[in-house]
Amino acid sequence: MLPPIKHVAGDTFVFQQGSSSSHRAKETIKLLQQETPNFVGPDLSPSSSPDLNTVDYKVWVLSSRECINGIIMNSVDDAKQRLIEVWNSLQHSVIDAAINEWRKRLRACVRADGQHF
């Protein structure tokens, strides 16, 4: 997914990984450190919580609904293409709203002592 992200965002994005095993794989971390301008690895995230990842708490929820909404995909390539189409059609205001919500979520995380909230 890095080429489409770079195509849309250029170098103006921060890539944050969560805590799943595929995100923590040494090869994945190495690739992202090399290929992304501002990589926030799972060891540097304030929490492994999806509550603090803008993609998880806002963008992915909307994208995944739209991505599978009545669409039949017969291959991984079909799924990748559909995800790219949905991402490209996403209104920037949705991303802005998710980013603007982050400080409020960070404060809630601090109040919850790093636990899910």
N, C-alpha and C. Protein backbone atom coordinates (compact mmCIF):
# COMPACT_ATOMS: atom_id res chain seq x y z
N MET A 1 0.80 -1.20 0.00
CA MET A 1 0.00 0.00 0.00
C MET A 1 0.85 1.27 0.00
N LEU A 2 2.16 1.13 0.19
CA LEU A 2 2.99 2.33 0.25
C LEU A 2 2.97 3.15 -1.04
N PRO A 3 3.06 2.54 -2.22
CA PRO A 3 3.03 3.38 -3.43
C PRO A 3 1.76 4.23 -3.55
N PRO A 4 0.56 3.67 -3.33
CA PRO A 4 -0.63 4.54 -3.42
C PRO A 4 -0.64 5.63 -2.34
N ILE A 5 -0.17 5.31 -1.14
CA ILE A 5 -0.13 6.32 -0.08
C ILE A 5 0.81 7.44 -0.48
N LYS A 6 1.99 7.07 -0.97
CA LYS A 6 2.96 8.08 -1.39
C LYS A 6 2.43 8.90 -2.57
N HIS A 7 1.68 8.25 -3.45
CA HIS A 7 1.12 8.95 -4.60
C HIS A 7 0.14 10.03 -4.15
N VAL A 8 -0.68 9.71 -3.15
CA VAL A 8 -1.68 10.66 -2.66
C VAL A 8 -1.06 11.70 -1.73
N ALA A 9 -0.22 11.26 -0.81
CA ALA A 9 0.25 12.15 0.25
C ALA A 9 1.64 12.71 0.04
N GLY A 10 2.40 12.16 -0.91
CA GLY A 10 3.78 12.60 -1.05
C GLY A 10 4.55 12.22 0.21
N ASP A 11 5.28 13.16 0.76
CA ASP A 11 6.03 12.91 1.99
C ASP A 11 5.35 13.54 3.20
N THR A 12 4.07 13.85 3.07
CA THR A 12 3.36 14.53 4.17
C THR A 12 2.46 13.58 4.93
N PHE A 13 3.01 12.47 5.38
CA PHE A 13 2.23 11.53 6.18
C PHE A 13 3.12 10.90 7.22
N VAL A 14 2.49 10.41 8.27
CA VAL A 14 3.17 9.66 9.32
C VAL A 14 2.60 8.27 9.29
N PHE A 15 3.45 7.28 9.18
CA PHE A 15 3.00 5.89 9.13
C PHE A 15 3.15 5.29 10.52
N GLN A 16 2.03 4.92 11.12
CA GLN A 16 2.02 4.38 12.48
C GLN A 16 1.58 2.93 12.43
N GLN A 17 2.35 2.06 13.05
CA GLN A 17 2.02 0.65 13.11
C GLN A 17 1.36 0.32 14.44
N GLY A 18 0.54 -0.69 14.42
CA GLY A 18 -0.09 -1.19 15.63
C GLY A 18 0.70 -2.34 16.21
N SER A 19 0.01 -3.18 16.96
CA SER A 19 0.72 -4.23 17.69
C SER A 19 0.53 -5.63 17.13
N SER A 20 -0.14 -5.78 15.99
CA SER A 20 -0.31 -7.12 15.44
C SER A 20 1.05 -7.70 15.07
N SER A 21 1.15 -9.01 15.04
CA SER A 21 2.44 -9.65 14.78
C SER A 21 3.00 -9.27 13.41
N SER A 22 2.14 -9.09 12.42
CA SER A 22 2.64 -8.70 11.10
C SER A 22 3.21 -7.28 11.12
N HIS A 23 2.69 -6.43 11.98
CA HIS A 23 3.20 -5.06 12.10
C HIS A 23 4.53 -5.02 12.85
N ARG A 24 4.75 -6.01 13.72
CA ARG A 24 5.95 -6.04 14.54
C ARG A 24 7.09 -6.86 13.92
N ALA A 25 6.84 -7.49 12.79
CA ALA A 25 7.86 -8.32 12.15
C ALA A 25 9.09 -7.46 11.82
N LYS A 26 10.27 -8.00 12.07
CA LYS A 26 11.50 -7.25 11.84
C LYS A 26 11.60 -6.73 10.41
N GLU A 27 11.19 -7.57 9.46
CA GLU A 27 11.27 -7.18 8.05
C GLU A 27 10.32 -6.01 7.76
N THR A 28 9.14 -6.03 8.37
CA THR A 28 8.16 -4.96 8.17
C THR A 28 8.69 -3.65 8.74
N ILE A 29 9.21 -3.71 9.97
CA ILE A 29 9.75 -2.52 10.62
C ILE A 29 10.90 -1.94 9.79
N LYS A 30 11.79 -2.80 9.33
CA LYS A 30 12.93 -2.34 8.54
C LYS A 30 12.47 -1.65 7.25
N LEU A 31 11.52 -2.27 6.56
CA LEU A 31 10.99 -1.69 5.32
C LEU A 31 10.38 -0.32 5.58
N LEU A 32 9.55 -0.23 6.59
CA LEU A 32 8.88 1.04 6.87
C LEU A 32 9.85 2.12 7.34
N GLN A 33 10.87 1.75 8.07
CA GLN A 33 11.88 2.72 8.47
C GLN A 33 12.61 3.28 7.25
N GLN A 34 12.82 2.43 6.25
CA GLN A 34 13.51 2.86 5.03
C GLN A 34 12.60 3.65 4.10
N GLU A 35 11.33 3.26 4.02
CA GLU A 35 10.44 3.76 2.98
C GLU A 35 9.49 4.88 3.39
N THR A 36 9.34 5.12 4.67
CA THR A 36 8.38 6.15 5.09
C THR A 36 9.12 7.27 5.81
N PRO A 37 8.73 8.50 5.55
CA PRO A 37 9.48 9.63 6.08
C PRO A 37 9.37 9.79 7.61
N ASN A 38 8.24 9.49 8.19
CA ASN A 38 8.02 9.71 9.62
C ASN A 38 7.38 8.48 10.23
N PHE A 39 8.08 7.40 10.26
CA PHE A 39 7.54 6.13 10.75
C PHE A 39 7.46 6.12 12.27
N VAL A 40 6.29 5.78 12.80
CA VAL A 40 6.10 5.60 14.23
C VAL A 40 5.89 4.10 14.45
N GLY A 41 6.92 3.43 14.92
CA GLY A 41 6.85 1.99 15.11
C GLY A 41 6.05 1.61 16.35
N PRO A 42 5.74 0.33 16.49
CA PRO A 42 4.94 -0.10 17.63
C PRO A 42 5.61 0.14 18.97
N ASP A 43 6.93 0.21 18.98
CA ASP A 43 7.64 0.47 20.24
C ASP A 43 7.58 1.94 20.65
N LEU A 44 7.28 2.84 19.70
CA LEU A 44 7.21 4.27 20.00
C LEU A 44 5.79 4.78 20.13
N SER A 45 4.81 3.99 19.75
CA SER A 45 3.43 4.43 19.86
C SER A 45 3.08 4.63 21.32
N PRO A 46 2.30 5.67 21.63
CA PRO A 46 1.91 5.88 23.02
C PRO A 46 1.10 4.72 23.56
N SER A 47 0.49 4.00 22.67
CA SER A 47 -0.30 2.84 23.05
C SER A 47 -0.46 1.99 21.81
N SER A 48 -0.65 0.71 22.00
CA SER A 48 -0.95 -0.15 20.86
C SER A 48 -2.42 -0.11 20.53
N SER A 49 -3.11 0.78 21.16
CA SER A 49 -4.55 0.87 21.04
C SER A 49 -4.98 1.44 19.70
N PRO A 50 -5.98 0.83 19.08
CA PRO A 50 -6.55 1.44 17.87
C PRO A 50 -7.26 2.75 18.21
N ASP A 51 -7.47 3.01 19.50
CA ASP A 51 -8.09 4.26 19.92
C ASP A 51 -7.23 5.47 19.59
N LEU A 52 -5.93 5.27 19.36
CA LEU A 52 -5.03 6.38 19.06
C LEU A 52 -4.53 6.39 17.63
N ASN A 53 -4.95 5.46 16.82
CA ASN A 53 -4.51 5.41 15.44
C ASN A 53 -5.64 5.97 14.57
N THR A 54 -5.39 7.12 13.95
CA THR A 54 -6.44 7.79 13.17
C THR A 54 -7.03 6.89 12.10
N VAL A 55 -6.20 6.07 11.51
CA VAL A 55 -6.72 5.17 10.48
C VAL A 55 -7.68 4.15 11.10
N ASP A 56 -7.33 3.62 12.27
CA ASP A 56 -8.17 2.61 12.91
C ASP A 56 -9.49 3.18 13.41
N TYR A 57 -9.46 4.31 14.10
CA TYR A 57 -10.69 4.77 14.73
C TYR A 57 -11.61 5.55 13.82
N LYS A 58 -11.17 5.95 12.67
CA LYS A 58 -12.04 6.72 11.80
C LYS A 58 -11.99 6.25 10.34
N VAL A 59 -10.82 6.31 9.75
CA VAL A 59 -10.70 6.09 8.31
C VAL A 59 -11.00 4.64 7.94
N TRP A 60 -10.44 3.67 8.65
CA TRP A 60 -10.64 2.27 8.30
C TRP A 60 -12.09 1.86 8.45
N VAL A 61 -12.75 2.36 9.49
CA VAL A 61 -14.16 2.01 9.70
C VAL A 61 -14.99 2.42 8.49
N LEU A 62 -14.80 3.64 8.05
CA LEU A 62 -15.55 4.13 6.88
C LEU A 62 -15.12 3.41 5.60
N SER A 63 -13.82 3.24 5.42
CA SER A 63 -13.30 2.62 4.20
C SER A 63 -13.71 1.16 4.08
N SER A 64 -13.64 0.42 5.19
CA SER A 64 -13.97 -1.00 5.11
C SER A 64 -15.45 -1.20 4.80
N ARG A 65 -16.30 -0.36 5.35
CA ARG A 65 -17.73 -0.44 5.02
C ARG A 65 -17.95 -0.22 3.53
N GLU A 66 -17.33 0.84 3.02
CA GLU A 66 -17.49 1.18 1.61
C GLU A 66 -16.84 0.14 0.71
N CYS A 67 -15.73 -0.41 1.15
CA CYS A 67 -14.97 -1.35 0.35
C CYS A 67 -15.75 -2.64 0.09
N ILE A 68 -16.45 -3.12 1.09
CA ILE A 68 -17.15 -4.39 0.94
C ILE A 68 -18.63 -4.23 0.66
N ASN A 69 -19.10 -3.01 0.54
CA ASN A 69 -20.51 -2.71 0.35
C ASN A 69 -21.05 -3.27 -0.97
N GLY A 70 -21.46 -4.53 -0.94
CA GLY A 70 -22.06 -5.16 -2.11
C GLY A 70 -21.10 -5.49 -3.23
N ILE A 71 -19.82 -5.38 -3.00
CA ILE A 71 -18.82 -5.64 -4.04
C ILE A 71 -18.29 -7.06 -3.89
N ILE A 72 -18.28 -7.79 -4.98
CA ILE A 72 -17.71 -9.14 -4.98
C ILE A 72 -16.28 -9.05 -5.50
N MET A 73 -15.36 -9.54 -4.69
CA MET A 73 -13.95 -9.54 -5.08
C MET A 73 -13.49 -10.98 -5.17
N ASN A 74 -12.88 -11.33 -6.27
CA ASN A 74 -12.49 -12.71 -6.52
C ASN A 74 -11.01 -12.99 -6.29
N SER A 75 -10.25 -11.95 -5.97
CA SER A 75 -8.82 -12.18 -5.78
C SER A 75 -8.26 -11.09 -4.87
N VAL A 76 -7.05 -11.30 -4.42
CA VAL A 76 -6.35 -10.30 -3.61
C VAL A 76 -6.15 -9.03 -4.44
N ASP A 77 -5.85 -9.19 -5.72
CA ASP A 77 -5.66 -8.03 -6.59
C ASP A 77 -6.95 -7.21 -6.69
N ASP A 78 -8.11 -7.89 -6.78
CA ASP A 78 -9.39 -7.19 -6.79
C ASP A 78 -9.58 -6.40 -5.50
N ALA A 79 -9.24 -7.02 -4.38
CA ALA A 79 -9.39 -6.36 -3.07
C ALA A 79 -8.45 -5.14 -2.98
N LYS A 80 -7.23 -5.29 -3.43
CA LYS A 80 -6.28 -4.18 -3.41
C LYS A 80 -6.80 -3.03 -4.27
N GLN A 81 -7.26 -3.35 -5.46
CA GLN A 81 -7.76 -2.31 -6.36
C GLN A 81 -8.96 -1.60 -5.76
N ARG A 82 -9.86 -2.35 -5.15
CA ARG A 82 -11.04 -1.75 -4.53
C ARG A 82 -10.64 -0.84 -3.37
N LEU A 83 -9.70 -1.28 -2.56
CA LEU A 83 -9.24 -0.47 -1.44
C LEU A 83 -8.62 0.84 -1.93
N ILE A 84 -7.85 0.77 -3.00
CA ILE A 84 -7.26 1.98 -3.58
C ILE A 84 -8.35 2.92 -4.09
N GLU A 85 -9.36 2.37 -4.74
CA GLU A 85 -10.47 3.19 -5.24
C GLU A 85 -11.19 3.89 -4.09
N VAL A 86 -11.46 3.14 -3.03
CA VAL A 86 -12.15 3.72 -1.87
C VAL A 86 -11.29 4.79 -1.22
N TRP A 87 -10.00 4.50 -1.04
CA TRP A 87 -9.10 5.49 -0.44
C TRP A 87 -9.07 6.77 -1.27
N ASN A 88 -8.97 6.62 -2.60
CA ASN A 88 -8.91 7.79 -3.47
C ASN A 88 -10.21 8.60 -3.45
N SER A 89 -11.33 7.95 -3.16
CA SER A 89 -12.60 8.67 -3.14
C SER A 89 -12.92 9.26 -1.76
N LEU A 90 -12.11 8.94 -0.78
CA LEU A 90 -12.34 9.42 0.57
C LEU A 90 -12.19 10.94 0.62
N GLN A 91 -13.17 11.60 1.19
CA GLN A 91 -13.10 13.06 1.33
C GLN A 91 -12.01 13.44 2.32
N HIS A 92 -11.22 14.42 1.99
CA HIS A 92 -10.13 14.83 2.87
C HIS A 92 -10.66 15.33 4.21
N SER A 93 -11.89 15.82 4.23
CA SER A 93 -12.49 16.29 5.48
C SER A 93 -12.61 15.16 6.51
N VAL A 94 -12.77 13.92 6.05
CA VAL A 94 -12.83 12.77 6.96
C VAL A 94 -11.47 12.58 7.64
N ILE A 95 -10.42 12.68 6.87
CA ILE A 95 -9.07 12.54 7.41
C ILE A 95 -8.78 13.70 8.36
N ASP A 96 -9.14 14.91 7.95
CA ASP A 96 -8.93 16.07 8.81
C ASP A 96 -9.66 15.91 10.14
N ALA A 97 -10.90 15.44 10.09
CA ALA A 97 -11.68 15.25 11.32
C ALA A 97 -11.02 14.22 12.23
N ALA A 98 -10.49 13.15 11.64
CA ALA A 98 -9.82 12.12 12.44
C ALA A 98 -8.57 12.69 13.10
N ILE A 99 -7.82 13.47 12.37
CA ILE A 99 -6.61 14.09 12.93
C ILE A 99 -6.98 15.07 14.03
N ASN A 100 -8.02 15.86 13.81
CA ASN A 100 -8.44 16.83 14.82
C ASN A 100 -8.96 16.17 16.09
N GLU A 101 -9.41 14.95 15.98
CA GLU A 101 -9.93 14.21 17.13
C GLU A 101 -8.80 13.56 17.97
N TRP A 102 -7.60 13.50 17.42
CA TRP A 102 -6.53 12.76 18.05
C TRP A 102 -6.15 13.29 19.43
N ARG A 103 -6.03 14.60 19.60
CA ARG A 103 -5.65 15.14 20.91
C ARG A 103 -6.67 14.77 21.98
N LYS A 104 -7.94 14.84 21.64
CA LYS A 104 -9.00 14.46 22.59
C LYS A 104 -8.84 12.99 22.96
N ARG A 105 -8.54 12.15 21.99
CA ARG A 105 -8.34 10.73 22.26
C ARG A 105 -7.09 10.48 23.09
N LEU A 106 -6.03 11.24 22.82
CA LEU A 106 -4.81 11.09 23.61
C LEU A 106 -5.08 11.44 25.08
N ARG A 107 -5.81 12.52 25.32
CA ARG A 107 -6.17 12.88 26.70
C ARG A 107 -6.98 11.76 27.36
N ALA A 108 -7.92 11.18 26.62
CA ALA A 108 -8.72 10.08 27.16
C ALA A 108 -7.84 8.88 27.48
N CYS A 109 -6.84 8.63 26.65
CA CYS A 109 -5.92 7.52 26.89
C CYS A 109 -5.11 7.76 28.17
N VAL A 110 -4.68 8.99 28.37
CA VAL A 110 -3.93 9.32 29.59
C VAL A 110 -4.83 9.12 30.80
N ARG A 111 -6.07 9.59 30.73
CA ARG A 111 -7.02 9.40 31.85
C ARG A 111 -7.27 7.92 32.12
N ALA A 112 -7.25 7.12 31.05
CA ALA A 112 -7.50 5.67 31.20
C ALA A 112 -6.21 4.91 31.51
N ASP A 113 -5.14 5.63 31.77
CA ASP A 113 -3.85 5.04 32.11
C ASP A 113 -3.36 4.07 31.04
N GLY A 114 -3.54 4.46 29.77
CA GLY A 114 -3.04 3.68 28.66
C GLY A 114 -3.93 2.52 28.25
N GLN A 115 -5.02 2.32 28.94
CA GLN A 115 -5.93 1.22 28.61
C GLN A 115 -6.90 1.67 27.52
N HIS A 116 -7.62 0.71 26.95
CA HIS A 116 -8.64 1.07 25.95
C HIS A 116 -9.69 1.94 26.60
N PHE A 117 -10.27 2.81 25.84
CA PHE A 117 -11.31 3.70 26.36
C PHE A 117 -12.45 3.81 25.38
